[in-house]
Amino acid sequence: MFARFLAPDLGAEISPFAMTPAAVAELSFIAWLLVRAVRIPEAETGRLAR
């Protein structure tokens, strides 16, 4: 965004290269949260729950 302010032509060319890694990182973080947020109940061992 700062490059678009200083050099609009250059910023327009750089923008897709800067946005692609950010989009990949955001999507992988969302996938990680979805996987980690799933709670699998532990098998009951016959003991009383506290």
PDB file of N, CA and C in Angstrom:
ATOM      1  N   MET A   1       0.831  -1.187   0.000  1.00  0.00           N
ATOM      2  CA  MET A   1       0.000   0.000   0.000  1.00  0.00           C
ATOM      3  C   MET A   1       0.878   1.255   0.000  1.00  0.00           C
ATOM      4  N   PHE A   2       1.967   1.199   0.753  1.00  0.00           N
ATOM      5  CA  PHE A   2       2.863   2.350   0.792  1.00  0.00           C
ATOM      6  C   PHE A   2       3.533   2.560  -0.557  1.00  0.00           C
ATOM      7  N   ALA A   3       3.841   1.445  -1.247  1.00  0.00           N
ATOM      8  CA  ALA A   3       4.457   1.561  -2.569  1.00  0.00           C
ATOM      9  C   ALA A   3       3.488   2.185  -3.563  1.00  0.00           C
ATOM     10  N   ARG A   4       2.204   1.907  -3.419  1.00  0.00           N
ATOM     11  CA  ARG A   4       1.217   2.529  -4.315  1.00  0.00           C
ATOM     12  C   ARG A   4       1.136   4.031  -4.088  1.00  0.00           C
ATOM     13  N   PHE A   5       1.390   4.469  -2.872  1.00  0.00           N
ATOM     14  CA  PHE A   5       1.347   5.895  -2.576  1.00  0.00           C
ATOM     15  C   PHE A   5       2.573   6.607  -3.166  1.00  0.00           C
ATOM     16  N   LEU A   6       3.758   6.008  -2.993  1.00  0.00           N
ATOM     17  CA  LEU A   6       4.977   6.651  -3.473  1.00  0.00           C
ATOM     18  C   LEU A   6       5.154   6.527  -4.979  1.00  0.00           C
ATOM     19  N   ALA A   7       4.894   5.363  -5.523  1.00  0.00           N
ATOM     20  CA  ALA A   7       5.047   5.131  -6.959  1.00  0.00           C
ATOM     21  C   ALA A   7       3.854   4.315  -7.441  1.00  0.00           C
ATOM     22  N   PRO A   8       2.775   4.967  -7.849  1.00  0.00           N
ATOM     23  CA  PRO A   8       1.545   4.234  -8.205  1.00  0.00           C
ATOM     24  C   PRO A   8       1.727   3.160  -9.276  1.00  0.00           C
ATOM     25  N   ASP A   9       2.540   3.426 -10.284  1.00  0.00           N
ATOM     26  CA  ASP A   9       2.737   2.425 -11.339  1.00  0.00           C
ATOM     27  C   ASP A   9       3.465   1.198 -10.812  1.00  0.00           C
ATOM     28  N   LEU A  10       4.517   1.425 -10.054  1.00  0.00           N
ATOM     29  CA  LEU A  10       5.282   0.319  -9.483  1.00  0.00           C
ATOM     30  C   LEU A  10       4.451  -0.414  -8.429  1.00  0.00           C
ATOM     31  N   GLY A  11       3.693   0.332  -7.632  1.00  0.00           N
ATOM     32  CA  GLY A  11       2.862  -0.278  -6.596  1.00  0.00           C
ATOM     33  C   GLY A  11       1.799  -1.190  -7.172  1.00  0.00           C
ATOM     34  N   ALA A  12       1.235  -0.819  -8.296  1.00  0.00           N
ATOM     35  CA  ALA A  12       0.219  -1.651  -8.939  1.00  0.00           C
ATOM     36  C   ALA A  12       0.825  -2.958  -9.435  1.00  0.00           C
ATOM     37  N   GLU A  13       2.088  -2.930  -9.827  1.00  0.00           N
ATOM     38  CA  GLU A  13       2.753  -4.153 -10.295  1.00  0.00           C
ATOM     39  C   GLU A  13       3.193  -5.036  -9.137  1.00  0.00           C
ATOM     40  N   ILE A  14       3.564  -4.453  -8.020  1.00  0.00           N
ATOM     41  CA  ILE A  14       4.042  -5.196  -6.859  1.00  0.00           C
ATOM     42  C   ILE A  14       2.890  -5.785  -6.053  1.00  0.00           C
ATOM     43  N   SER A  15       1.747  -5.151  -6.079  1.00  0.00           N
ATOM     44  CA  SER A  15       0.617  -5.530  -5.228  1.00  0.00           C
ATOM     45  C   SER A  15       0.244  -7.014  -5.295  1.00  0.00           C
ATOM     46  N   PRO A  16       0.112  -7.637  -6.472  1.00  0.00           N
ATOM     47  CA  PRO A  16      -0.243  -9.069  -6.488  1.00  0.00           C
ATOM     48  C   PRO A  16       0.804  -9.946  -5.812  1.00  0.00           C
ATOM     49  N   PHE A  17       2.075  -9.572  -5.931  1.00  0.00           N
ATOM     50  CA  PHE A  17       3.143 -10.362  -5.319  1.00  0.00           C
ATOM     51  C   PHE A  17       3.138 -10.208  -3.800  1.00  0.00           C
ATOM     52  N   ALA A  18       2.680  -9.077  -3.315  1.00  0.00           N
ATOM     53  CA  ALA A  18       2.616  -8.862  -1.868  1.00  0.00           C
ATOM     54  C   ALA A  18       1.357  -9.484  -1.279  1.00  0.00           C
ATOM     55  N   MET A  19       0.287  -9.529  -2.041  1.00  0.00           N
ATOM     56  CA  MET A  19      -0.984 -10.046  -1.531  1.00  0.00           C
ATOM     57  C   MET A  19      -1.038 -11.571  -1.548  1.00  0.00           C
ATOM     58  N   THR A  20      -0.355 -12.211  -2.465  1.00  0.00           N
ATOM     59  CA  THR A  20      -0.417 -13.666  -2.575  1.00  0.00           C
ATOM     60  C   THR A  20       0.106 -14.377  -1.330  1.00  0.00           C
ATOM     61  N   PRO A  21       1.298 -14.057  -0.816  1.00  0.00           N
ATOM     62  CA  PRO A  21       1.746 -14.735   0.411  1.00  0.00           C
ATOM     63  C   PRO A  21       0.837 -14.447   1.601  1.00  0.00           C
ATOM     64  N   ALA A  22       0.309 -13.242   1.668  1.00  0.00           N
ATOM     65  CA  ALA A  22      -0.596 -12.906   2.773  1.00  0.00           C
ATOM     66  C   ALA A  22      -1.882 -13.726   2.692  1.00  0.00           C
ATOM     67  N   ALA A  23      -2.409 -13.912   1.505  1.00  0.00           N
ATOM     68  CA  ALA A  23      -3.621 -14.708   1.338  1.00  0.00           C
ATOM     69  C   ALA A  23      -3.369 -16.174   1.667  1.00  0.00           C
ATOM     70  N   VAL A  24      -2.242 -16.709   1.248  1.00  0.00           N
ATOM     71  CA  VAL A  24      -1.894 -18.100   1.543  1.00  0.00           C
ATOM     72  C   VAL A  24      -1.739 -18.285   3.056  1.00  0.00           C
ATOM     73  N   ALA A  25      -1.070 -17.347   3.692  1.00  0.00           N
ATOM     74  CA  ALA A  25      -0.881 -17.432   5.146  1.00  0.00           C
ATOM     75  C   ALA A  25      -2.208 -17.360   5.881  1.00  0.00           C
ATOM     76  N   GLU A  26      -3.088 -16.484   5.451  1.00  0.00           N
ATOM     77  CA  GLU A  26      -4.383 -16.351   6.112  1.00  0.00           C
ATOM     78  C   GLU A  26      -5.233 -17.603   5.937  1.00  0.00           C
ATOM     79  N   LEU A  27      -5.246 -18.170   4.751  1.00  0.00           N
ATOM     80  CA  LEU A  27      -6.036 -19.381   4.516  1.00  0.00           C
ATOM     81  C   LEU A  27      -5.477 -20.572   5.288  1.00  0.00           C
ATOM     82  N   SER A  28      -4.158 -20.681   5.358  1.00  0.00           N
ATOM     83  CA  SER A  28      -3.579 -21.789   6.119  1.00  0.00           C
ATOM     84  C   SER A  28      -3.830 -21.608   7.614  1.00  0.00           C
ATOM     85  N   PHE A  29      -3.840 -20.385   8.102  1.00  0.00           N
ATOM     86  CA  PHE A  29      -4.145 -20.126   9.515  1.00  0.00           C
ATOM     87  C   PHE A  29      -5.596 -20.485   9.821  1.00  0.00           C
ATOM     88  N   ILE A  30      -6.504 -20.169   8.924  1.00  0.00           N
ATOM     89  CA  ILE A  30      -7.914 -20.534   9.104  1.00  0.00           C
ATOM     90  C   ILE A  30      -8.061 -22.046   9.135  1.00  0.00           C
ATOM     91  N   ALA A  31      -7.382 -22.743   8.236  1.00  0.00           N
ATOM     92  CA  ALA A  31      -7.446 -24.212   8.216  1.00  0.00           C
ATOM     93  C   ALA A  31      -6.878 -24.789   9.504  1.00  0.00           C
ATOM     94  N   TRP A  32      -5.776 -24.233   9.990  1.00  0.00           N
ATOM     95  CA  TRP A  32      -5.174 -24.707  11.240  1.00  0.00           C
ATOM     96  C   TRP A  32      -6.134 -24.500  12.403  1.00  0.00           C
ATOM     97  N   LEU A  33      -6.787 -23.350  12.458  1.00  0.00           N
ATOM     98  CA  LEU A  33      -7.743 -23.098  13.532  1.00  0.00           C
ATOM     99  C   LEU A  33      -8.919 -24.071  13.470  1.00  0.00           C
ATOM    100  N   LEU A  34      -9.383 -24.365  12.272  1.00  0.00           N
ATOM    101  CA  LEU A  34     -10.499 -25.305  12.139  1.00  0.00           C
ATOM    102  C   LEU A  34     -10.100 -26.702  12.599  1.00  0.00           C
ATOM    103  N   VAL A  35      -8.891 -27.111  12.304  1.00  0.00           N
ATOM    104  CA  VAL A  35      -8.434 -28.442  12.700  1.00  0.00           C
ATOM    105  C   VAL A  35      -8.179 -28.496  14.198  1.00  0.00           C
ATOM    106  N   ARG A  36      -7.525 -27.507  14.744  1.00  0.00           N
ATOM    107  CA  ARG A  36      -7.184 -27.505  16.169  1.00  0.00           C
ATOM    108  C   ARG A  36      -8.405 -27.273  17.056  1.00  0.00           C
ATOM    109  N   ALA A  37      -9.419 -26.618  16.547  1.00  0.00           N
ATOM    110  CA  ALA A  37     -10.590 -26.296  17.359  1.00  0.00           C
ATOM    111  C   ALA A  37     -11.500 -27.506  17.558  1.00  0.00           C
ATOM    112  N   VAL A  38     -11.306 -28.551  16.762  1.00  0.00           N
ATOM    113  CA  VAL A  38     -12.141 -29.741  16.902  1.00  0.00           C
ATOM    114  C   VAL A  38     -11.706 -30.482  18.154  1.00  0.00           C
ATOM    115  N   ARG A  39     -12.633 -30.669  19.069  1.00  0.00           N
ATOM    116  CA  ARG A  39     -12.337 -31.373  20.317  1.00  0.00           C
ATOM    117  C   ARG A  39     -12.882 -32.789  20.204  1.00  0.00           C
ATOM    118  N   ILE A  40     -12.004 -33.758  20.305  1.00  0.00           N
ATOM    119  CA  ILE A  40     -12.405 -35.158  20.254  1.00  0.00           C
ATOM    120  C   ILE A  40     -12.546 -35.625  21.698  1.00  0.00           C
ATOM    121  N   PRO A  41     -13.729 -36.103  22.078  1.00  0.00           N
ATOM    122  CA  PRO A  41     -13.893 -36.541  23.466  1.00  0.00           C
ATOM    123  C   PRO A  41     -12.993 -37.736  23.771  1.00  0.00           C
ATOM    124  N   GLU A  42     -12.425 -37.709  24.967  1.00  0.00           N
ATOM    125  CA  GLU A  42     -11.552 -38.807  25.368  1.00  0.00           C
ATOM    126  C   GLU A  42     -12.396 -40.039  25.688  1.00  0.00           C
ATOM    127  N   ALA A  43     -11.804 -41.197  25.496  1.00  0.00           N
ATOM    128  CA  ALA A  43     -12.517 -42.442  25.793  1.00  0.00           C
ATOM    129  C   ALA A  43     -12.765 -42.524  27.299  1.00  0.00           C
ATOM    130  N   GLU A  44     -13.937 -42.976  27.652  1.00  0.00           N
ATOM    131  CA  GLU A  44     -14.272 -43.104  29.067  1.00  0.00           C
ATOM    132  C   GLU A  44     -13.515 -44.292  29.654  1.00  0.00           C
ATOM    133  N   THR A  45     -12.918 -44.067  30.817  1.00  0.00           N
ATOM    134  CA  THR A  45     -12.116 -45.108  31.432  1.00  0.00           C
ATOM    135  C   THR A  45     -12.841 -45.795  32.576  1.00  0.00           C
ATOM    136  N   GLY A  46     -14.068 -45.426  32.832  1.00  0.00           N
ATOM    137  CA  GLY A  46     -14.818 -46.049  33.926  1.00  0.00           C
ATOM    138  C   GLY A  46     -14.679 -45.300  35.240  1.00  0.00           C
ATOM    139  N   ARG A  47     -13.802 -44.318  35.280  1.00  0.00           N
ATOM    140  CA  ARG A  47     -13.655 -43.520  36.504  1.00  0.00           C
ATOM    141  C   ARG A  47     -14.708 -42.432  36.528  1.00  0.00           C
ATOM    142  N   LEU A  48     -14.989 -41.965  37.715  1.00  0.00           N
ATOM    143  CA  LEU A  48     -15.962 -40.882  37.856  1.00  0.00           C
ATOM    144  C   LEU A  48     -15.363 -39.598  37.332  1.00  0.00           C
ATOM    145  N   ALA A  49     -16.181 -38.843  36.631  1.00  0.00           N
ATOM    146  CA  ALA A  49     -15.714 -37.552  36.130  1.00  0.00           C
ATOM    147  C   ALA A  49     -15.687 -36.543  37.252  1.00  0.00           C
ATOM    148  N   ARG A  50     -14.705 -35.708  37.235  1.00  0.00           N
ATOM    149  CA  ARG A  50     -14.603 -34.681  38.289  1.00  0.00           C
ATOM    150  C   ARG A  50     -15.245 -33.417  37.870  1.00  0.00           C
TER     151      ARG A  50
END
